[in-house]
C-alpha cells in the first residue's frame, strides 16, 4: 500500500512539475511576443509620423532667407525631392 501511495505521489509531483514547466514555457513565449509586437508597433508609429510630417513652408520670408543663405547641393536636392530624405523612404519601405 505504501509503495502504491509513493508511486502515486511521485506521479502527481511529476505531473505538477510538467504542468508548471509548460506554463512557464508559455509565459516566456508570451513575453517574447510582447517584445516583438512592441518593436513592430514603434516602427509603425514612426512610419505614420513620417507620412504625417508637414513639408517646410517656403513662403515664409525667414525660411526662404535661411534656405538661400545655406544653400548647398544637398539642400537643393532635398528641396527638389519635395523635402523628403531618400534614406527615410528606403528605411520605411524595408520594414
PDB file of N, CA and C in Angstrom:
ATOM      1  N   UNK A   1       0.819  -1.188   0.000  1.00  0.00           N
ATOM      2  CA  UNK A   1       0.000   0.000   0.000  1.00  0.00           C
ATOM      3  C   UNK A   1       0.869   1.261   0.000  1.00  0.00           C
ATOM      4  N   UNK A   2       1.934   1.217   0.811  1.00  0.00           N
ATOM      5  CA  UNK A   2       2.821   2.373   0.865  1.00  0.00           C
ATOM      6  C   UNK A   2       3.520   2.588  -0.472  1.00  0.00           C
ATOM      7  N   UNK A   3       3.845   1.512  -1.140  1.00  0.00           N
ATOM      8  CA  UNK A   3       4.514   1.624  -2.436  1.00  0.00           C
ATOM      9  C   UNK A   3       3.571   2.268  -3.449  1.00  0.00           C
ATOM     10  N   UNK A   4       2.292   1.868  -3.418  1.00  0.00           N
ATOM     11  CA  UNK A   4       1.313   2.473  -4.320  1.00  0.00           C
ATOM     12  C   UNK A   4       1.154   3.958  -4.028  1.00  0.00           C
ATOM     13  N   UNK A   5       1.080   4.326  -2.747  1.00  0.00           N
ATOM     14  CA  UNK A   5       0.953   5.734  -2.372  1.00  0.00           C
ATOM     15  C   UNK A   5       2.195   6.519  -2.800  1.00  0.00           C
ATOM     16  N   UNK A   6       3.363   5.921  -2.636  1.00  0.00           N
ATOM     17  CA  UNK A   6       4.606   6.567  -3.045  1.00  0.00           C
ATOM     18  C   UNK A   6       4.659   6.758  -4.551  1.00  0.00           C
ATOM     19  N   UNK A   7       4.198   5.739  -5.273  1.00  0.00           N
ATOM     20  CA  UNK A   7       4.184   5.820  -6.735  1.00  0.00           C
ATOM     21  C   UNK A   7       3.185   6.881  -7.197  1.00  0.00           C
ATOM     22  N   UNK A   8       2.024   6.909  -6.566  1.00  0.00           N
ATOM     23  CA  UNK A   8       1.007   7.901  -6.907  1.00  0.00           C
ATOM     24  C   UNK A   8       1.500   9.305  -6.579  1.00  0.00           C
ATOM     25  N   UNK A   9       2.161   9.454  -5.434  1.00  0.00           N
ATOM     26  CA  UNK A   9       2.710  10.747  -5.033  1.00  0.00           C
ATOM     27  C   UNK A   9       3.783  11.199  -6.028  1.00  0.00           C
ATOM     28  N   UNK A  10       4.628  10.262  -6.446  1.00  0.00           N
ATOM     29  CA  UNK A  10       5.675  10.571  -7.418  1.00  0.00           C
ATOM     30  C   UNK A  10       5.060  11.012  -8.752  1.00  0.00           C
ATOM     31  N   UNK A  11       4.029  10.285  -9.206  1.00  0.00           N
ATOM     32  CA  UNK A  11       3.364  10.640 -10.468  1.00  0.00           C
ATOM     33  C   UNK A  11       2.682  12.002 -10.367  1.00  0.00           C
ATOM     34  N   UNK A  12       2.096  12.275  -9.209  1.00  0.00           N
ATOM     35  CA  UNK A  12       1.443  13.573  -9.008  1.00  0.00           C
ATOM     36  C   UNK A  12       2.466  14.699  -9.055  1.00  0.00           C
ATOM     37  N   UNK A  13       3.602  14.502  -8.369  1.00  0.00           N
ATOM     38  CA  UNK A  13       4.648  15.523  -8.381  1.00  0.00           C
ATOM     39  C   UNK A  13       5.191  15.720  -9.796  1.00  0.00           C
ATOM     40  N   UNK A  14       5.351  14.625 -10.507  1.00  0.00           N
ATOM     41  CA  UNK A  14       5.853  14.705 -11.879  1.00  0.00           C
ATOM     42  C   UNK A  14       4.862  15.448 -12.779  1.00  0.00           C
ATOM     43  N   UNK A  15       3.577  15.175 -12.591  1.00  0.00           N
ATOM     44  CA  UNK A  15       2.552  15.846 -13.381  1.00  0.00           C
ATOM     45  C   UNK A  15       2.522  17.346 -13.050  1.00  0.00           C
ATOM     46  N   UNK A  16       2.635  17.676 -11.769  1.00  0.00           N
ATOM     47  CA  UNK A  16       2.656  19.080 -11.353  1.00  0.00           C
ATOM     48  C   UNK A  16       3.877  19.780 -11.944  1.00  0.00           C
ATOM     49  N   UNK A  17       5.035  19.131 -11.885  1.00  0.00           N
ATOM     50  CA  UNK A  17       6.258  19.707 -12.438  1.00  0.00           C
ATOM     51  C   UNK A  17       6.120  19.935 -13.943  1.00  0.00           C
ATOM     52  N   UNK A  18       5.557  18.952 -14.645  1.00  0.00           N
ATOM     53  CA  UNK A  18       5.378  19.068 -16.094  1.00  0.00           C
ATOM     54  C   UNK A  18       4.406  20.212 -16.426  1.00  0.00           C
ATOM     55  N   UNK A  19       3.321  20.309 -15.678  1.00  0.00           N
ATOM     56  CA  UNK A  19       2.340  21.372 -15.901  1.00  0.00           C
ATOM     57  C   UNK A  19       2.960  22.743 -15.646  1.00  0.00           C
ATOM     58  N   UNK A  20       3.726  22.858 -14.562  1.00  0.00           N
ATOM     59  CA  UNK A  20       4.375  24.125 -14.240  1.00  0.00           C
ATOM     60  C   UNK A  20       5.413  24.491 -15.302  1.00  0.00           C
ATOM     61  N   UNK A  21       6.183  23.515 -15.759  1.00  0.00           N
ATOM     62  CA  UNK A  21       7.186  23.769 -16.805  1.00  0.00           C
ATOM     63  C   UNK A  21       6.517  24.246 -18.090  1.00  0.00           C
ATOM     64  N   UNK A  22       5.414  23.610 -18.458  1.00  0.00           N
ATOM     65  CA  UNK A  22       4.670  24.002 -19.650  1.00  0.00           C
ATOM     66  C   UNK A  22       4.125  25.425 -19.501  1.00  0.00           C
ATOM     67  N   UNK A  23       3.624  25.740 -18.316  1.00  0.00           N
ATOM     68  CA  UNK A  23       3.109  27.080 -18.032  1.00  0.00           C
ATOM     69  C   UNK A  23       4.215  28.127 -18.165  1.00  0.00           C
ATOM     70  N   UNK A  24       5.368  27.870 -17.589  1.00  0.00           N
ATOM     71  CA  UNK A  24       6.480  28.820 -17.649  1.00  0.00           C
ATOM     72  C   UNK A  24       6.983  28.993 -19.086  1.00  0.00           C
ATOM     73  N   UNK A  25       6.979  27.922 -19.859  1.00  0.00           N
ATOM     74  CA  UNK A  25       7.379  27.998 -21.264  1.00  0.00           C
ATOM     75  C   UNK A  25       6.432  28.910 -22.040  1.00  0.00           C
ATOM     76  N   UNK A  26       5.147  28.771 -21.778  1.00  0.00           N
ATOM     77  CA  UNK A  26       4.165  29.622 -22.458  1.00  0.00           C
ATOM     78  C   UNK A  26       4.307  31.083 -22.036  1.00  0.00           C
ATOM     79  N   UNK A  27       4.597  31.322 -20.771  1.00  0.00           N
ATOM     80  CA  UNK A  27       4.808  32.691 -20.292  1.00  0.00           C
ATOM     81  C   UNK A  27       6.017  33.311 -20.992  1.00  0.00           C
ATOM     82  N   UNK A  28       7.083  32.529 -21.142  1.00  0.00           N
ATOM     83  CA  UNK A  28       8.291  33.016 -21.820  1.00  0.00           C
ATOM     84  C   UNK A  28       7.992  33.361 -23.278  1.00  0.00           C
ATOM     85  N   UNK A  29       7.258  32.494 -23.958  1.00  0.00           N
ATOM     86  CA  UNK A  29       6.892  32.767 -25.351  1.00  0.00           C
ATOM     87  C   UNK A  29       6.043  34.029 -25.450  1.00  0.00           C
ATOM     88  N   UNK A  30       5.125  34.188 -24.501  1.00  0.00           N
ATOM     89  CA  UNK A  30       4.274  35.377 -24.490  1.00  0.00           C
ATOM     90  C   UNK A  30       5.113  36.642 -24.304  1.00  0.00           C
ATOM     91  N   UNK A  31       6.080  36.599 -23.390  1.00  0.00           N
ATOM     92  CA  UNK A  31       6.964  37.752 -23.171  1.00  0.00           C
ATOM     93  C   UNK A  31       7.736  38.108 -24.438  1.00  0.00           C
ATOM     94  N   UNK A  32       8.207  37.090 -25.150  1.00  0.00           N
ATOM     95  CA  UNK A  32       8.937  37.339 -26.393  1.00  0.00           C
ATOM     96  C   UNK A  32       8.025  37.971 -27.440  1.00  0.00           C
ATOM     97  N   UNK A  33       6.780  37.496 -27.513  1.00  0.00           N
ATOM     98  CA  UNK A  33       5.831  38.075 -28.463  1.00  0.00           C
ATOM     99  C   UNK A  33       5.518  39.530 -28.122  1.00  0.00           C
ATOM    100  N   UNK A  34       5.455  39.838 -26.838  1.00  0.00           N
ATOM    101  CA  UNK A  34       5.204  41.220 -26.415  1.00  0.00           C
ATOM    102  C   UNK A  34       6.344  42.120 -26.881  1.00  0.00           C
ATOM    103  N   UNK A  35       7.582  41.669 -26.731  1.00  0.00           N
ATOM    104  CA  UNK A  35       8.734  42.466 -27.160  1.00  0.00           C
ATOM    105  C   UNK A  35       8.722  42.694 -28.671  1.00  0.00           C
ATOM    106  N   UNK A  36       8.452  41.637 -29.430  1.00  0.00           N
ATOM    107  CA  UNK A  36       8.426  41.760 -30.890  1.00  0.00           C
ATOM    108  C   UNK A  36       7.287  42.682 -31.319  1.00  0.00           C
ATOM    109  N   UNK A  37       6.122  42.509 -30.711  1.00  0.00           N
ATOM    110  CA  UNK A  37       4.985  43.369 -31.032  1.00  0.00           C
ATOM    111  C   UNK A  37       5.264  44.821 -30.716  1.00  0.00           C
ATOM    112  N   UNK A  38       5.953  45.053 -29.626  1.00  0.00           N
ATOM    113  CA  UNK A  38       6.293  46.423 -29.240  1.00  0.00           C
ATOM    114  C   UNK A  38       7.214  47.064 -30.271  1.00  0.00           C
ATOM    115  N   UNK A  39       8.210  46.315 -30.726  1.00  0.00           N
ATOM    116  CA  UNK A  39       9.124  46.852 -31.748  1.00  0.00           C
ATOM    117  C   UNK A  39       8.384  47.146 -33.053  1.00  0.00           C
ATOM    118  N   UNK A  40       7.481  46.241 -33.447  1.00  0.00           N
ATOM    119  CA  UNK A  40       6.725  46.464 -34.677  1.00  0.00           C
ATOM    120  C   UNK A  40       5.818  47.683 -34.552  1.00  0.00           C
ATOM    121  N   UNK A  41       5.208  47.848 -33.385  1.00  0.00           N
ATOM    122  CA  UNK A  41       4.331  48.994 -33.167  1.00  0.00           C
ATOM    123  C   UNK A  41       5.111  50.303 -33.207  1.00  0.00           C
ATOM    124  N   UNK A  42       6.295  50.317 -32.624  1.00  0.00           N
ATOM    125  CA  UNK A  42       7.126  51.529 -32.651  1.00  0.00           C
ATOM    126  C   UNK A  42       7.505  51.861 -34.093  1.00  0.00           C
ATOM    127  N   UNK A  43       7.886  50.855 -34.864  1.00  0.00           N
ATOM    128  CA  UNK A  43       8.225  51.083 -36.270  1.00  0.00           C
ATOM    129  C   UNK A  43       7.034  51.601 -37.066  1.00  0.00           C
ATOM    130  N   UNK A  44       5.864  51.053 -36.785  1.00  0.00           N
ATOM    131  CA  UNK A  44       4.650  51.503 -37.468  1.00  0.00           C
ATOM    132  C   UNK A  44       4.338  52.951 -37.114  1.00  0.00           C
ATOM    133  N   UNK A  45       4.475  53.295 -35.840  1.00  0.00           N
ATOM    134  CA  UNK A  45       4.223  54.672 -35.409  1.00  0.00           C
ATOM    135  C   UNK A  45       5.219  55.641 -36.042  1.00  0.00           C
ATOM    136  N   UNK A  46       6.478  55.226 -36.161  1.00  0.00           N
ATOM    137  CA  UNK A  46       7.475  56.083 -36.805  1.00  0.00           C
ATOM    138  C   UNK A  46       7.132  56.301 -38.275  1.00  0.00           C
ATOM    139  N   UNK A  47       6.665  55.242 -38.933  1.00  0.00           N
ATOM    140  CA  UNK A  47       6.246  55.371 -40.329  1.00  0.00           C
ATOM    141  C   UNK A  47       5.075  56.323 -40.487  1.00  0.00           C
ATOM    142  N   UNK A  48       4.119  56.238 -39.565  1.00  0.00           N
ATOM    143  CA  UNK A  48       2.982  57.158 -39.611  1.00  0.00           C
ATOM    144  C   UNK A  48       3.417  58.600 -39.393  1.00  0.00           C
ATOM    145  N   UNK A  49       4.320  58.808 -38.456  1.00  0.00           N
ATOM    146  CA  UNK A  49       4.818  60.163 -38.203  1.00  0.00           C
ATOM    147  C   UNK A  49       5.568  60.704 -39.417  1.00  0.00           C
ATOM    148  N   UNK A  50       6.280  59.817 -40.108  1.00  0.00           N
ATOM    149  CA  UNK A  50       6.990  60.234 -41.320  1.00  0.00           C
ATOM    150  C   UNK A  50       5.992  60.699 -42.379  1.00  0.00           C
ATOM    151  N   UNK A  51       4.896  59.953 -42.533  1.00  0.00           N
ATOM    152  CA  UNK A  51       3.890  60.331 -43.523  1.00  0.00           C
ATOM    153  C   UNK A  51       3.122  61.580 -43.107  1.00  0.00           C
ATOM    154  N   UNK A  52       2.977  61.772 -41.812  1.00  0.00           N
ATOM    155  CA  UNK A  52       2.209  62.898 -41.292  1.00  0.00           C
ATOM    156  C   UNK A  52       3.021  64.191 -41.265  1.00  0.00           C
ATOM    157  N   UNK A  53       4.332  64.086 -41.392  1.00  0.00           N
ATOM    158  CA  UNK A  53       5.210  65.249 -41.272  1.00  0.00           C
ATOM    159  C   UNK A  53       4.898  66.281 -42.359  1.00  0.00           C
ATOM    160  N   UNK A  54       4.778  67.510 -41.949  1.00  0.00           N
ATOM    161  CA  UNK A  54       4.473  68.597 -42.876  1.00  0.00           C
ATOM    162  C   UNK A  54       5.738  69.041 -43.605  1.00  0.00           C
ATOM    163  N   UNK A  55       5.623  69.374 -44.891  1.00  0.00           N
ATOM    164  CA  UNK A  55       6.793  69.904 -45.600  1.00  0.00           C
ATOM    165  C   UNK A  55       7.119  71.308 -45.101  1.00  0.00           C
ATOM    166  N   UNK A  56       8.322  71.737 -45.373  1.00  0.00           N
ATOM    167  CA  UNK A  56       8.757  73.069 -44.961  1.00  0.00           C
ATOM    168  C   UNK A  56       7.996  74.110 -45.779  1.00  0.00           C
ATOM    169  N   UNK A  57       7.437  75.079 -45.091  1.00  0.00           N
ATOM    170  CA  UNK A  57       6.727  76.154 -45.790  1.00  0.00           C
ATOM    171  C   UNK A  57       7.750  77.162 -46.299  1.00  0.00           C
ATOM    172  N   UNK A  58       7.869  77.218 -47.587  1.00  0.00           N
ATOM    173  CA  UNK A  58       8.876  78.082 -48.190  1.00  0.00           C
ATOM    174  C   UNK A  58       8.360  79.506 -48.396  1.00  0.00           C
ATOM    175  N   UNK A  59       7.070  79.718 -48.179  1.00  0.00           N
ATOM    176  CA  UNK A  59       6.529  81.053 -48.413  1.00  0.00           C
ATOM    177  C   UNK A  59       6.830  82.010 -47.260  1.00  0.00           C
ATOM    178  N   UNK A  60       7.421  81.519 -46.186  1.00  0.00           N
ATOM    179  CA  UNK A  60       7.850  82.396 -45.104  1.00  0.00           C
ATOM    180  C   UNK A  60       9.151  83.080 -45.520  1.00  0.00           C
ATOM    181  N   UNK A  61       9.233  84.372 -45.289  1.00  0.00           N
ATOM    182  CA  UNK A  61      10.428  85.124 -45.689  1.00  0.00           C
ATOM    183  C   UNK A  61      11.663  84.653 -44.926  1.00  0.00           C
ATOM    184  N   UNK A  62      11.491  84.333 -43.660  1.00  0.00           N
ATOM    185  CA  UNK A  62      12.608  83.868 -42.837  1.00  0.00           C
ATOM    186  C   UNK A  62      13.140  82.530 -43.347  1.00  0.00           C
ATOM    187  N   UNK A  63      12.238  81.601 -43.625  1.00  0.00           N
ATOM    188  CA  UNK A  63      12.653  80.281 -44.118  1.00  0.00           C
ATOM    189  C   UNK A  63      13.327  80.420 -45.474  1.00  0.00           C
ATOM    190  N   UNK A  64      12.768  81.265 -46.317  1.00  0.00           N
ATOM    191  CA  UNK A  64      13.355  81.465 -47.642  1.00  0.00           C
ATOM    192  C   UNK A  64      14.770  82.031 -47.539  1.00  0.00           C
ATOM    193  N   UNK A  65      14.972  82.958 -46.621  1.00  0.00           N
ATOM    194  CA  UNK A  65      16.299  83.555 -46.431  1.00  0.00           C
ATOM    195  C   UNK A  65      17.287  82.527 -45.867  1.00  0.00           C
ATOM    196  N   UNK A  66      16.829  81.699 -44.925  1.00  0.00           N
ATOM    197  CA  UNK A  66      17.701  80.659 -44.354  1.00  0.00           C
ATOM    198  C   UNK A  66      18.116  79.673 -45.429  1.00  0.00           C
ATOM    199  N   UNK A  67      17.169  79.264 -46.260  1.00  0.00           N
ATOM    200  CA  UNK A  67      17.481  78.314 -47.339  1.00  0.00           C
ATOM    201  C   UNK A  67      18.455  78.942 -48.329  1.00  0.00           C
ATOM    202  N   UNK A  68      18.226  80.187 -48.683  1.00  0.00           N
ATOM    203  CA  UNK A  68      19.099  80.875 -49.642  1.00  0.00           C
ATOM    204  C   UNK A  68      20.510  81.046 -49.076  1.00  0.00           C
ATOM    205  N   UNK A  69      20.626  81.410 -47.793  1.00  0.00           N
ATOM    206  CA  UNK A  69      21.943  81.634 -47.185  1.00  0.00           C
ATOM    207  C   UNK A  69      22.728  80.342 -46.975  1.00  0.00           C
ATOM    208  N   UNK A  70      22.038  79.241 -46.779  1.00  0.00           N
ATOM    209  CA  UNK A  70      22.700  77.961 -46.508  1.00  0.00           C
ATOM    210  C   UNK A  70      22.578  76.984 -47.669  1.00  0.00           C
ATOM    211  N   UNK A  71      22.324  77.497 -48.841  1.00  0.00           N
ATOM    212  CA  UNK A  71      22.071  76.617 -49.975  1.00  0.00           C
ATOM    213  C   UNK A  71      23.317  75.818 -50.347  1.00  0.00           C
ATOM    214  N   UNK A  72      23.113  74.546 -50.491  1.00  0.00           N
ATOM    215  CA  UNK A  72      24.171  73.636 -50.929  1.00  0.00           C
ATOM    216  C   UNK A  72      23.540  72.655 -51.916  1.00  0.00           C
ATOM    217  N   UNK A  73      24.370  71.838 -52.521  1.00  0.00           N
ATOM    218  CA  UNK A  73      23.855  70.852 -53.470  1.00  0.00           C
ATOM    219  C   UNK A  73      22.920  69.873 -52.758  1.00  0.00           C
ATOM    220  N   UNK A  74      23.302  69.508 -51.559  1.00  0.00           N
ATOM    221  CA  UNK A  74      22.495  68.570 -50.776  1.00  0.00           C
ATOM    222  C   UNK A  74      21.134  69.181 -50.418  1.00  0.00           C
ATOM    223  N   UNK A  75      21.128  70.430 -49.979  1.00  0.00           N
ATOM    224  CA  UNK A  75      19.877  71.105 -49.632  1.00  0.00           C
ATOM    225  C   UNK A  75      19.010  71.308 -50.870  1.00  0.00           C
ATOM    226  N   UNK A  76      19.627  71.645 -51.994  1.00  0.00           N
ATOM    227  CA  UNK A  76      18.869  71.829 -53.238  1.00  0.00           C
ATOM    228  C   UNK A  76      18.185  70.541 -53.664  1.00  0.00           C
ATOM    229  N   UNK A  77      18.900  69.425 -53.589  1.00  0.00           N
ATOM    230  CA  UNK A  77      18.288  68.150 -53.975  1.00  0.00           C
ATOM    231  C   UNK A  77      17.186  67.750 -52.994  1.00  0.00           C
ATOM    232  N   UNK A  78      17.344  68.115 -51.726  1.00  0.00           N
ATOM    233  CA  UNK A  78      16.313  67.849 -50.719  1.00  0.00           C
ATOM    234  C   UNK A  78      15.041  68.632 -51.044  1.00  0.00           C
ATOM    235  N   UNK A  79      15.198  69.882 -51.441  1.00  0.00           N
ATOM    236  CA  UNK A  79      14.048  70.717 -51.793  1.00  0.00           C
ATOM    237  C   UNK A  79      13.385  70.198 -53.065  1.00  0.00           C
ATOM    238  N   UNK A  80      14.194  69.818 -54.059  1.00  0.00           N
ATOM    239  CA  UNK A  80      13.656  69.291 -55.317  1.00  0.00           C
ATOM    240  C   UNK A  80      12.897  67.986 -55.109  1.00  0.00           C
ATOM    241  N   UNK A  81      13.315  67.203 -54.126  1.00  0.00           N
ATOM    242  CA  UNK A  81      12.657  65.923 -53.848  1.00  0.00           C
ATOM    243  C   UNK A  81      11.368  66.101 -53.055  1.00  0.00           C
ATOM    244  N   UNK A  82      10.994  67.333 -52.802  1.00  0.00           N
ATOM    245  CA  UNK A  82       9.763  67.572 -52.056  1.00  0.00           C
ATOM    246  C   UNK A  82       9.964  67.462 -50.563  1.00  0.00           C
ATOM    247  N   UNK A  83      11.159  67.822 -50.113  1.00  0.00           N
ATOM    248  CA  UNK A  83      11.518  67.800 -48.683  1.00  0.00           C
ATOM    249  C   UNK A  83      11.462  66.387 -48.105  1.00  0.00           C
ATOM    250  N   UNK A  84      11.802  65.407 -48.925  1.00  0.00           N
ATOM    251  CA  UNK A  84      11.852  64.017 -48.470  1.00  0.00           C
ATOM    252  C   UNK A  84      13.279  63.524 -48.546  1.00  0.00           C
ATOM    253  N   UNK A  85      13.696  62.823 -47.524  1.00  0.00           N
ATOM    254  CA  UNK A  85      15.023  62.231 -47.495  1.00  0.00           C
ATOM    255  C   UNK A  85      14.915  60.828 -48.075  1.00  0.00           C
ATOM    256  N   UNK A  86      15.693  60.508 -49.072  1.00  0.00           N
ATOM    257  CA  UNK A  86      15.624  59.197 -49.726  1.00  0.00           C
ATOM    258  C   UNK A  86      15.908  58.072 -48.741  1.00  0.00           C
ATOM    259  N   UNK A  87      16.804  58.303 -47.803  1.00  0.00           N
ATOM    260  CA  UNK A  87      17.128  57.273 -46.813  1.00  0.00           C
ATOM    261  C   UNK A  87      15.902  56.935 -45.966  1.00  0.00           C
ATOM    262  N   UNK A  88      15.117  57.944 -45.591  1.00  0.00           N
ATOM    263  CA  UNK A  88      13.906  57.699 -44.805  1.00  0.00           C
ATOM    264  C   UNK A  88      12.911  56.856 -45.581  1.00  0.00           C
ATOM    265  N   UNK A  89      12.757  57.134 -46.864  1.00  0.00           N
ATOM    266  CA  UNK A  89      11.819  56.377 -47.689  1.00  0.00           C
ATOM    267  C   UNK A  89      12.246  54.923 -47.804  1.00  0.00           C
ATOM    268  N   UNK A  90      13.513  54.696 -48.049  1.00  0.00           N
ATOM    269  CA  UNK A  90      14.023  53.326 -48.170  1.00  0.00           C
ATOM    270  C   UNK A  90      13.890  52.601 -46.844  1.00  0.00           C
ATOM    271  N   UNK A  91      14.198  53.274 -45.757  1.00  0.00           N
ATOM    272  CA  UNK A  91      14.120  52.668 -44.430  1.00  0.00           C
ATOM    273  C   UNK A  91      12.680  52.277 -44.094  1.00  0.00           C
ATOM    274  N   UNK A  92      11.715  53.120 -44.409  1.00  0.00           N
ATOM    275  CA  UNK A  92      10.317  52.824 -44.121  1.00  0.00           C
ATOM    276  C   UNK A  92       9.782  51.704 -45.001  1.00  0.00           C
ATOM    277  N   UNK A  93      10.246  51.631 -46.251  1.00  0.00           N
ATOM    278  CA  UNK A  93       9.774  50.582 -47.144  1.00  0.00           C
ATOM    279  C   UNK A  93      10.358  49.227 -46.782  1.00  0.00           C
ATOM    280  N   UNK A  94      11.547  49.210 -46.202  1.00  0.00           N
ATOM    281  CA  UNK A  94      12.187  47.937 -45.873  1.00  0.00           C
ATOM    282  C   UNK A  94      11.557  47.280 -44.658  1.00  0.00           C
ATOM    283  N   UNK A  95      10.804  48.023 -43.886  1.00  0.00           N
ATOM    284  CA  UNK A  95      10.131  47.445 -42.715  1.00  0.00           C
ATOM    285  C   UNK A  95       8.973  46.640 -43.186  1.00  0.00           C
TER     286      UNK A  95
END
